[in-house]
Each structure stands twice: as structure tokens, then as C-alpha cells.
């Protein structure tokens, strides 16, 4: 009897022993009702999204606001960049930026010099006064063409006057794409259509130039030549813009 009572007493004391407590606690017996399995699952936090993207390289085809830090490049859109449609006011502002930027005199100055050297308009004369006449006519040509192509016609036809960089494929594919943007453009709705802004806008600007050029220069042939020059310059501009990100990465490591 004494031995049985002693054994029973020892059996009742077993749960209070340290070893018994550790082995008999269930998943819901830990502090605050949470088991050890829950604690172990929270011991290794998942890496954040920022950490996972830290090693990613920037996308190719990134355009800068200026080319060589001087020439305005406001209307170029980087590869895969999603932008909302431009309002009429925004089209007017961007056309004005192209016209009145501090570097906007560069192209008219070059064209005026070429015309001066070839005597394209003999009525303007020679010397400093002659070159000055070529220059202000060239500036007015550019101003008119920019407003027609980038603002007036796009506002009516609901076209997007920005240049969307392709940035993918071989040289030939990208070159053809860029040069054909004078005939194909994006609409405000995101589709594609014939580039009325470029073709008609350049034509209207060329026709308007007859109002301020000498009477002898107001022929159909002269107007057509001016039209072709405007479209050709824009085509070359698109070509250069397409490959500018590659040039910038190669020479300047993608700096703005």
C-alpha cells in the first residue's frame, strides 16, 4: 500500500517537471496562445521589392531632355515609357519651347549660311546685311514650321507630335522606323495613322513663306523645294533621336 501511494504521488508530480513541460506543450500553449511553429515561420523575413530591384540595370533607349546638353529634345519619348495624351495647351507649349529655346538659333544659322553661300535668294544681297536677311527668313521659316507641325495641325487631327523611340532591333529596322515617322505617327488615342501633322504642316508653312519672300521666289517649284527641305530635316532629326540613347550611353554613359 505504501509503495502504491508513493508511485501515485510521483506520477502526479511529473507534469510539473521541467522536462515534462517542454514535451507536453502543444502548438497553442505558447505565450499569447501562439505556438513555436508560428514563431519559426516569422524568423526569416522575405526580401523587399526594393531589394530585389536593386541589381536591375536601367532600360535601354532612355532619351534625355537635351542632346549634348544643348539641343532641345523635349518631344522624344523613351522606350516603353507610357505617357497620357497631350492637351492642346501642352502641344502649344512644346512647340513654343522648340521655337524659343536658347539653342533654337543654331539650325536657322546653319541653313542661312548654306543659302548665303549658294546664293539661293540673290535679292538678299551679300555681306553682313545679306546674311542677316537670310538669317531672319530662316528663323521665321523654322518658327512657322514648328507651330504648324507640332501644334496647329496636331490639335485639329488629334495626333501626338512626340517621337516614340523604338530602341529595339537591328540598325536597319530602327533606321527605317525613324525615317518613316514623317509619314506615320501616333494618335492621341494611342493608334497609328498617316502623319498629317508633318506632311500638311510642312506644306502649309512652305506656302505661308511666300508672303515674306521676294516675288521672284514665290513659284511652285520654290515652295516645293522648301516643303521637301522641311520634311527632310525632320526625317533626319527623327533618325538622330532614335540612336541618340545609344550614342549617349557609349560616349557619356547615359548621363543627362
C-alpha atoms as a PDB file:
ATOM      1  CA  UNK A   1       0.000   0.000   0.000  1.00  0.00           C
ATOM      2  CA  UNK A   2       2.769   2.404   0.930  1.00  0.00           C
ATOM      3  CA  UNK A   3       4.635   1.672  -2.331  1.00  0.00           C
ATOM      4  CA  UNK A   4       1.490   2.183  -4.439  1.00  0.00           C
ATOM      5  CA  UNK A   5       0.752   5.508  -2.779  1.00  0.00           C
ATOM      6  CA  UNK A   6       4.322   6.668  -3.341  1.00  0.00           C
ATOM      7  CA  UNK A   7       4.153   5.740  -7.077  1.00  0.00           C
ATOM      8  CA  UNK A   8       0.836   7.558  -7.476  1.00  0.00           C
ATOM      9  CA  UNK A   9       2.233  10.693  -5.885  1.00  0.00           C
ATOM     10  CA  UNK A  10       5.275  10.664  -8.164  1.00  0.00           C
ATOM     11  CA  UNK A  11       3.003  10.253 -11.207  1.00  0.00           C
ATOM     12  CA  UNK A  12       1.044  13.371 -10.224  1.00  0.00           C
ATOM     13  CA  UNK A  13       4.259  15.386  -9.904  1.00  0.00           C
ATOM     14  CA  UNK A  14       5.552  14.519 -13.415  1.00  0.00           C
ATOM     15  CA  UNK A  15       3.773  17.414 -15.344  1.00  0.00           C
ATOM     16  CA  UNK A  16       5.430  19.963 -13.077  1.00  0.00           C
ATOM     17  CA  UNK A  17       8.915  18.784 -14.050  1.00  0.00           C
ATOM     18  CA  UNK A  18      10.878  20.949 -16.448  1.00  0.00           C
ATOM     19  CA  UNK A  19      11.323  18.205 -18.997  1.00  0.00           C
ATOM     20  CA  UNK A  20       7.676  17.275 -18.957  1.00  0.00           C
ATOM     21  CA  UNK A  21       6.559  20.869 -19.566  1.00  0.00           C
ATOM     22  CA  UNK A  22       8.619  21.219 -22.751  1.00  0.00           C
ATOM     23  CA  UNK A  23       7.421  17.931 -24.163  1.00  0.00           C
ATOM     24  CA  UNK A  24       3.745  18.269 -23.397  1.00  0.00           C
ATOM     25  CA  UNK A  25       3.044  21.858 -24.565  1.00  0.00           C
ATOM     26  CA  UNK A  26       1.081  21.896 -27.814  1.00  0.00           C
ATOM     27  CA  UNK A  27       1.195  24.483 -30.650  1.00  0.00           C
ATOM     28  CA  UNK A  28      -1.388  26.648 -28.894  1.00  0.00           C
ATOM     29  CA  UNK A  29       0.232  26.500 -25.441  1.00  0.00           C
ATOM     30  CA  UNK A  30       2.973  29.092 -26.038  1.00  0.00           C
ATOM     31  CA  UNK A  31       2.896  32.761 -24.964  1.00  0.00           C
ATOM     32  CA  UNK A  32      -0.222  34.636 -26.113  1.00  0.00           C
ATOM     33  CA  UNK A  33      -1.667  31.424 -27.414  1.00  0.00           C
ATOM     34  CA  UNK A  34       0.864  31.147 -30.284  1.00  0.00           C
ATOM     35  CA  UNK A  35       2.896  28.043 -30.803  1.00  0.00           C
ATOM     36  CA  UNK A  36       6.574  27.725 -31.623  1.00  0.00           C
ATOM     37  CA  UNK A  37       5.763  26.829 -35.248  1.00  0.00           C
ATOM     38  CA  UNK A  38       4.346  30.327 -35.801  1.00  0.00           C
ATOM     39  CA  UNK A  39       7.437  31.968 -34.336  1.00  0.00           C
ATOM     40  CA  UNK A  40       9.798  29.967 -36.515  1.00  0.00           C
ATOM     41  CA  UNK A  41       7.847  30.917 -39.658  1.00  0.00           C
ATOM     42  CA  UNK A  42       8.451  34.614 -38.938  1.00  0.00           C
ATOM     43  CA  UNK A  43      12.141  34.253 -38.205  1.00  0.00           C
ATOM     44  CA  UNK A  44      13.247  34.750 -41.870  1.00  0.00           C
ATOM     45  CA  UNK A  45      11.632  37.878 -43.411  1.00  0.00           C
ATOM     46  CA  UNK A  46      11.137  37.945 -47.178  1.00  0.00           C
ATOM     47  CA  UNK A  47      13.316  40.360 -49.209  1.00  0.00           C
ATOM     48  CA  UNK A  48      11.563  43.604 -50.088  1.00  0.00           C
ATOM     49  CA  UNK A  49      10.694  44.633 -53.636  1.00  0.00           C
ATOM     50  CA  UNK A  50      13.256  47.419 -53.490  1.00  0.00           C
ATOM     51  CA  UNK A  51      15.964  44.872 -52.570  1.00  0.00           C
ATOM     52  CA  UNK A  52      15.003  42.616 -55.476  1.00  0.00           C
ATOM     53  CA  UNK A  53      15.204  45.543 -57.923  1.00  0.00           C
ATOM     54  CA  UNK A  54      18.456  46.938 -56.596  1.00  0.00           C
ATOM     55  CA  UNK A  55      20.533  44.974 -59.070  1.00  0.00           C
ATOM     56  CA  UNK A  56      18.439  45.725 -62.149  1.00  0.00           C
ATOM     57  CA  UNK A  57      20.057  47.755 -64.933  1.00  0.00           C
ATOM     58  CA  UNK A  58      18.268  50.801 -66.408  1.00  0.00           C
ATOM     59  CA  UNK A  59      16.256  50.216 -69.569  1.00  0.00           C
ATOM     60  CA  UNK A  60      17.886  50.880 -72.923  1.00  0.00           C
ATOM     61  CA  UNK A  61      16.565  53.648 -75.118  1.00  0.00           C
ATOM     62  CA  UNK A  62      16.327  56.359 -72.475  1.00  0.00           C
ATOM     63  CA  UNK A  63      16.037  59.816 -74.003  1.00  0.00           C
ATOM     64  CA  UNK A  64      17.464  62.930 -72.368  1.00  0.00           C
ATOM     65  CA  UNK A  65      15.823  66.342 -72.292  1.00  0.00           C
ATOM     66  CA  UNK A  66      18.691  67.780 -74.311  1.00  0.00           C
ATOM     67  CA  UNK A  67      21.162  66.355 -76.800  1.00  0.00           C
ATOM     68  CA  UNK A  68      24.781  67.078 -75.899  1.00  0.00           C
ATOM     69  CA  UNK A  69      23.363  69.232 -73.107  1.00  0.00           C
ATOM     70  CA  UNK A  70      22.331  71.916 -75.626  1.00  0.00           C
ATOM     71  CA  UNK A  71      19.893  70.872 -78.358  1.00  0.00           C
ATOM     72  CA  UNK A  72      16.300  70.561 -77.051  1.00  0.00           C
ATOM     73  CA  UNK A  73      14.921  67.024 -77.109  1.00  0.00           C
ATOM     74  CA  UNK A  74      11.671  67.653 -75.237  1.00  0.00           C
ATOM     75  CA  UNK A  75       9.419  65.735 -77.650  1.00  0.00           C
ATOM     76  CA  UNK A  76      11.316  62.417 -77.546  1.00  0.00           C
ATOM     77  CA  UNK A  77       9.763  59.569 -75.555  1.00  0.00           C
ATOM     78  CA  UNK A  78      11.968  56.827 -74.076  1.00  0.00           C
ATOM     79  CA  UNK A  79      11.436  53.146 -74.873  1.00  0.00           C
ATOM     80  CA  UNK A  80       8.417  51.620 -73.056  1.00  0.00           C
ATOM     81  CA  UNK A  81       7.552  54.965 -71.444  1.00  0.00           C
ATOM     82  CA  UNK A  82       3.800  55.394 -71.014  1.00  0.00           C
ATOM     83  CA  UNK A  83       2.517  58.964 -71.251  1.00  0.00           C
ATOM     84  CA  UNK A  84      -1.008  60.388 -71.224  1.00  0.00           C
ATOM     85  CA  UNK A  85      -2.322  62.161 -74.348  1.00  0.00           C
ATOM     86  CA  UNK A  86      -1.219  65.750 -74.823  1.00  0.00           C
ATOM     87  CA  UNK A  87      -3.752  68.521 -74.446  1.00  0.00           C
ATOM     88  CA  UNK A  88      -3.964  71.341 -76.994  1.00  0.00           C
ATOM     89  CA  UNK A  89      -2.271  73.612 -74.461  1.00  0.00           C
ATOM     90  CA  UNK A  90       0.611  71.172 -73.997  1.00  0.00           C
ATOM     91  CA  UNK A  91       1.132  70.966 -77.766  1.00  0.00           C
ATOM     92  CA  UNK A  92       1.323  74.745 -77.930  1.00  0.00           C
ATOM     93  CA  UNK A  93       3.803  74.876 -75.033  1.00  0.00           C
ATOM     94  CA  UNK A  94       6.126  72.270 -76.540  1.00  0.00           C
ATOM     95  CA  UNK A  95       6.082  73.976 -79.938  1.00  0.00           C
ATOM     96  CA  UNK A  96       6.956  77.247 -78.196  1.00  0.00           C
ATOM     97  CA  UNK A  97       9.789  75.581 -76.294  1.00  0.00           C
ATOM     98  CA  UNK A  98      11.282  74.355 -79.565  1.00  0.00           C
ATOM     99  CA  UNK A  99      10.941  77.810 -81.118  1.00  0.00           C
ATOM    100  CA  UNK A 100      12.226  79.983 -78.298  1.00  0.00           C
ATOM    101  CA  UNK A 101      14.806  77.792 -76.607  1.00  0.00           C
ATOM    102  CA  UNK A 102      18.220  79.445 -76.347  1.00  0.00           C
ATOM    103  CA  UNK A 103      19.631  76.895 -78.818  1.00  0.00           C
ATOM    104  CA  UNK A 104      16.882  77.341 -81.423  1.00  0.00           C
ATOM    105  CA  UNK A 105      19.052  79.773 -83.400  1.00  0.00           C
ATOM    106  CA  UNK A 106      21.593  77.065 -84.285  1.00  0.00           C
ATOM    107  CA  UNK A 107      19.756  75.337 -87.153  1.00  0.00           C
ATOM    108  CA  UNK A 108      18.488  78.549 -88.810  1.00  0.00           C
ATOM    109  CA  UNK A 109      22.008  79.971 -88.623  1.00  0.00           C
ATOM    110  CA  UNK A 110      23.443  76.925 -90.398  1.00  0.00           C
ATOM    111  CA  UNK A 111      20.721  76.921 -93.062  1.00  0.00           C
ATOM    112  CA  UNK A 112      21.098  80.661 -93.596  1.00  0.00           C
ATOM    113  CA  UNK A 113      24.845  80.243 -94.094  1.00  0.00           C
ATOM    114  CA  UNK A 114      24.317  77.455 -96.647  1.00  0.00           C
ATOM    115  CA  UNK A 115      21.778  79.561 -98.552  1.00  0.00           C
ATOM    116  CA  UNK A 116      24.028  82.598 -98.398  1.00  0.00           C
ATOM    117  CA  UNK A 117      26.986  80.652 -99.800  1.00  0.00           C
ATOM    118  CA  UNK A 118      24.933  79.207-102.658  1.00  0.00           C
ATOM    119  CA  UNK A 119      23.135  82.489-103.390  1.00  0.00           C
ATOM    120  CA  UNK A 120      19.743  80.826-103.029  1.00  0.00           C
ATOM    121  CA  UNK A 121      17.970  84.202-102.937  1.00  0.00           C
ATOM    122  CA  UNK A 122      20.038  86.756-104.884  1.00  0.00           C
ATOM    123  CA  UNK A 123      17.676  89.560-103.889  1.00  0.00           C
ATOM    124  CA  UNK A 124      19.039  89.368-100.316  1.00  0.00           C
ATOM    125  CA  UNK A 125      22.455  90.619-101.440  1.00  0.00           C
ATOM    126  CA  UNK A 126      25.839  89.852 -99.907  1.00  0.00           C
ATOM    127  CA  UNK A 127      27.908  90.782 -96.884  1.00  0.00           C
ATOM    128  CA  UNK A 128      26.613  91.087 -93.345  1.00  0.00           C
ATOM    129  CA  UNK A 129      23.336  92.655 -94.408  1.00  0.00           C
ATOM    130  CA  UNK A 130      22.713  89.910 -96.932  1.00  0.00           C
ATOM    131  CA  UNK A 131      23.416  87.160 -94.398  1.00  0.00           C
ATOM    132  CA  UNK A 132      21.152  88.916 -91.903  1.00  0.00           C
ATOM    133  CA  UNK A 133      18.288  88.737 -94.391  1.00  0.00           C
ATOM    134  CA  UNK A 134      18.904  85.031 -94.944  1.00  0.00           C
ATOM    135  CA  UNK A 135      19.009  84.519 -91.188  1.00  0.00           C
ATOM    136  CA  UNK A 136      15.739  86.186 -90.238  1.00  0.00           C
ATOM    137  CA  UNK A 137      13.931  84.460 -93.090  1.00  0.00           C
ATOM    138  CA  UNK A 138      15.340  81.136 -91.904  1.00  0.00           C
ATOM    139  CA  UNK A 139      14.267  81.825 -88.316  1.00  0.00           C
ATOM    140  CA  UNK A 140      10.761  82.703 -89.467  1.00  0.00           C
ATOM    141  CA  UNK A 141      10.638  79.544 -91.608  1.00  0.00           C
ATOM    142  CA  UNK A 142      11.524  77.383 -88.609  1.00  0.00           C
ATOM    143  CA  UNK A 143       9.096  79.143 -86.269  1.00  0.00           C
ATOM    144  CA  UNK A 144       6.230  78.783 -88.699  1.00  0.00           C
ATOM    145  CA  UNK A 145       7.002  75.141 -89.475  1.00  0.00           C
ATOM    146  CA  UNK A 146       7.248  74.184 -85.797  1.00  0.00           C
ATOM    147  CA  UNK A 147       3.878  75.704 -84.942  1.00  0.00           C
ATOM    148  CA  UNK A 148       2.168  74.115 -87.932  1.00  0.00           C
ATOM    149  CA  UNK A 149       3.708  70.658 -87.402  1.00  0.00           C
ATOM    150  CA  UNK A 150       3.763  70.483 -83.603  1.00  0.00           C
ATOM    151  CA  UNK A 151       0.693  72.499 -82.619  1.00  0.00           C
ATOM    152  CA  UNK A 152      -1.847  73.669 -85.199  1.00  0.00           C
ATOM    153  CA  UNK A 153      -2.341  70.533 -87.323  1.00  0.00           C
ATOM    154  CA  UNK A 154      -1.959  68.049 -84.399  1.00  0.00           C
ATOM    155  CA  UNK A 155      -4.598  69.958 -82.460  1.00  0.00           C
ATOM    156  CA  UNK A 156      -7.047  69.542 -85.365  1.00  0.00           C
ATOM    157  CA  UNK A 157      -6.195  65.946 -86.340  1.00  0.00           C
ATOM    158  CA  UNK A 158      -5.711  64.771 -82.712  1.00  0.00           C
ATOM    159  CA  UNK A 159      -2.219  63.482 -83.419  1.00  0.00           C
ATOM    160  CA  UNK A 160       0.636  63.086 -80.967  1.00  0.00           C
ATOM    161  CA  UNK A 161       3.610  65.190 -82.187  1.00  0.00           C
ATOM    162  CA  UNK A 162       6.122  63.411 -79.948  1.00  0.00           C
ATOM    163  CA  UNK A 163       8.758  60.960 -81.220  1.00  0.00           C
ATOM    164  CA  UNK A 164       8.410  57.494 -79.682  1.00  0.00           C
ATOM    165  CA  UNK A 165      11.760  55.707 -79.613  1.00  0.00           C
ATOM    166  CA  UNK A 166      11.755  52.141 -80.959  1.00  0.00           C
ATOM    167  CA  UNK A 167      15.094  51.220 -79.385  1.00  0.00           C
ATOM    168  CA  UNK A 168      14.841  47.518 -80.318  1.00  0.00           C
ATOM    169  CA  UNK A 169      16.014  45.503 -83.273  1.00  0.00           C
ATOM    170  CA  UNK A 170      18.897  45.965 -85.667  1.00  0.00           C
ATOM    171  CA  UNK A 171      20.202  49.158 -87.200  1.00  0.00           C
ATOM    172  CA  UNK A 172      18.222  48.754 -90.424  1.00  0.00           C
ATOM    173  CA  UNK A 173      14.921  48.169 -88.637  1.00  0.00           C
ATOM    174  CA  UNK A 174      15.365  51.177 -86.381  1.00  0.00           C
ATOM    175  CA  UNK A 175      16.602  53.393 -89.220  1.00  0.00           C
ATOM    176  CA  UNK A 176      13.590  52.560 -91.397  1.00  0.00           C
ATOM    177  CA  UNK A 177      11.259  53.097 -88.439  1.00  0.00           C
ATOM    178  CA  UNK A 178      12.709  56.522 -87.637  1.00  0.00           C
ATOM    179  CA  UNK A 179      12.764  57.806 -91.216  1.00  0.00           C
ATOM    180  CA  UNK A 180       9.175  56.726 -91.863  1.00  0.00           C
ATOM    181  CA  UNK A 181       7.847  58.638 -88.839  1.00  0.00           C
ATOM    182  CA  UNK A 182       7.398  61.635 -91.121  1.00  0.00           C
ATOM    183  CA  UNK A 183       4.623  59.622 -92.808  1.00  0.00           C
ATOM    184  CA  UNK A 184       3.329  57.566 -89.877  1.00  0.00           C
ATOM    185  CA  UNK A 185       2.518  58.981 -86.455  1.00  0.00           C
ATOM    186  CA  UNK A 186       0.702  58.105 -83.243  1.00  0.00           C
ATOM    187  CA  UNK A 187      -2.738  59.459 -82.467  1.00  0.00           C
ATOM    188  CA  UNK A 188      -3.870  60.889 -79.149  1.00  0.00           C
ATOM    189  CA  UNK A 189      -5.847  57.661 -78.652  1.00  0.00           C
ATOM    190  CA  UNK A 190      -2.691  55.545 -78.992  1.00  0.00           C
ATOM    191  CA  UNK A 191      -3.199  54.203 -82.524  1.00  0.00           C
ATOM    192  CA  UNK A 192      -1.264  54.955 -85.711  1.00  0.00           C
ATOM    193  CA  UNK A 193      -2.239  56.882 -88.830  1.00  0.00           C
ATOM    194  CA  UNK A 194      -0.839  58.909 -91.706  1.00  0.00           C
ATOM    195  CA  UNK A 195       1.203  61.833 -90.383  1.00  0.00           C
ATOM    196  CA  UNK A 196      -0.963  64.734 -91.499  1.00  0.00           C
ATOM    197  CA  UNK A 197       0.817  66.956 -88.987  1.00  0.00           C
ATOM    198  CA  UNK A 198       4.171  66.550 -90.690  1.00  0.00           C
ATOM    199  CA  UNK A 199       3.150  66.439 -94.333  1.00  0.00           C
ATOM    200  CA  UNK A 200       0.395  69.050 -94.276  1.00  0.00           C
ATOM    201  CA  UNK A 201       2.036  71.179 -91.594  1.00  0.00           C
ATOM    202  CA  UNK A 202       5.307  71.449 -93.519  1.00  0.00           C
ATOM    203  CA  UNK A 203       3.323  72.210 -96.667  1.00  0.00           C
ATOM    204  CA  UNK A 204       1.311  74.988 -95.018  1.00  0.00           C
ATOM    205  CA  UNK A 205       4.489  76.525 -93.610  1.00  0.00           C
ATOM    206  CA  UNK A 206       6.137  76.454 -97.034  1.00  0.00           C
ATOM    207  CA  UNK A 207       3.115  78.069 -98.644  1.00  0.00           C
ATOM    208  CA  UNK A 208       2.984  80.752 -95.974  1.00  0.00           C
ATOM    209  CA  UNK A 209       6.621  81.653 -96.655  1.00  0.00           C
ATOM    210  CA  UNK A 210       5.522  83.143 -99.988  1.00  0.00           C
ATOM    211  CA  UNK A 211       4.117  86.046 -98.005  1.00  0.00           C
ATOM    212  CA  UNK A 212       7.544  87.248 -96.863  1.00  0.00           C
ATOM    213  CA  UNK A 213       9.947  86.095 -99.615  1.00  0.00           C
ATOM    214  CA  UNK A 214      10.657  88.221-102.732  1.00  0.00           C
ATOM    215  CA  UNK A 215       8.116  87.895-105.546  1.00  0.00           C
ATOM    216  CA  UNK A 216      10.571  86.002-107.780  1.00  0.00           C
ATOM    217  CA  UNK A 217      10.844  83.262-105.111  1.00  0.00           C
ATOM    218  CA  UNK A 218       7.102  82.597-104.893  1.00  0.00           C
ATOM    219  CA  UNK A 219       6.965  79.873-107.522  1.00  0.00           C
ATOM    220  CA  UNK A 220       5.514  76.390-107.162  1.00  0.00           C
ATOM    221  CA  UNK A 221       8.974  74.918-107.567  1.00  0.00           C
ATOM    222  CA  UNK A 222      10.468  77.060-104.804  1.00  0.00           C
ATOM    223  CA  UNK A 223       7.593  76.216-102.484  1.00  0.00           C
ATOM    224  CA  UNK A 224       8.016  72.507-103.214  1.00  0.00           C
ATOM    225  CA  UNK A 225      11.760  72.763-102.523  1.00  0.00           C
ATOM    226  CA  UNK A 226      11.075  74.398 -99.161  1.00  0.00           C
ATOM    227  CA  UNK A 227       8.488  71.726 -98.359  1.00  0.00           C
ATOM    228  CA  UNK A 228      10.935  68.938 -99.153  1.00  0.00           C
ATOM    229  CA  UNK A 229      13.644  70.613 -97.075  1.00  0.00           C
ATOM    230  CA  UNK A 230      11.350  70.849 -94.052  1.00  0.00           C
ATOM    231  CA  UNK A 231      10.301  67.191 -94.264  1.00  0.00           C
ATOM    232  CA  UNK A 232      13.870  66.035 -94.924  1.00  0.00           C
ATOM    233  CA  UNK A 233      15.242  67.887 -91.895  1.00  0.00           C
ATOM    234  CA  UNK A 234      12.547  66.374 -89.678  1.00  0.00           C
ATOM    235  CA  UNK A 235      13.287  62.877 -91.025  1.00  0.00           C
ATOM    236  CA  UNK A 236      16.980  63.279 -90.212  1.00  0.00           C
ATOM    237  CA  UNK A 237      16.042  64.630 -86.773  1.00  0.00           C
ATOM    238  CA  UNK A 238      13.947  61.518 -86.058  1.00  0.00           C
ATOM    239  CA  UNK A 239      16.822  59.298 -87.231  1.00  0.00           C
ATOM    240  CA  UNK A 240      19.272  61.022 -84.901  1.00  0.00           C
ATOM    241  CA  UNK A 241      16.846  60.922 -81.973  1.00  0.00           C
ATOM    242  CA  UNK A 242      16.335  57.183 -82.431  1.00  0.00           C
ATOM    243  CA  UNK A 243      20.046  56.467 -81.986  1.00  0.00           C
ATOM    244  CA  UNK A 244      20.826  59.246 -79.522  1.00  0.00           C
ATOM    245  CA  UNK A 245      20.380  56.961 -76.451  1.00  0.00           C
ATOM    246  CA  UNK A 246      22.993  54.577 -77.882  1.00  0.00           C
ATOM    247  CA  UNK A 247      25.390  57.420 -78.606  1.00  0.00           C
ATOM    248  CA  UNK A 248      24.801  58.875 -75.157  1.00  0.00           C
ATOM    249  CA  UNK A 249      25.426  55.515 -73.454  1.00  0.00           C
ATOM    250  CA  UNK A 250      28.588  54.884 -75.475  1.00  0.00           C
ATOM    251  CA  UNK A 251      30.169  58.307 -75.063  1.00  0.00           C
ATOM    252  CA  UNK A 252      28.692  59.691 -71.855  1.00  0.00           C
ATOM    253  CA  UNK A 253      27.489  56.556 -70.003  1.00  0.00           C
ATOM    254  CA  UNK A 254      23.857  57.647 -70.181  1.00  0.00           C
ATOM    255  CA  UNK A 255      24.283  60.986 -68.419  1.00  0.00           C
ATOM    256  CA  UNK A 256      21.501  63.571 -68.717  1.00  0.00           C
END
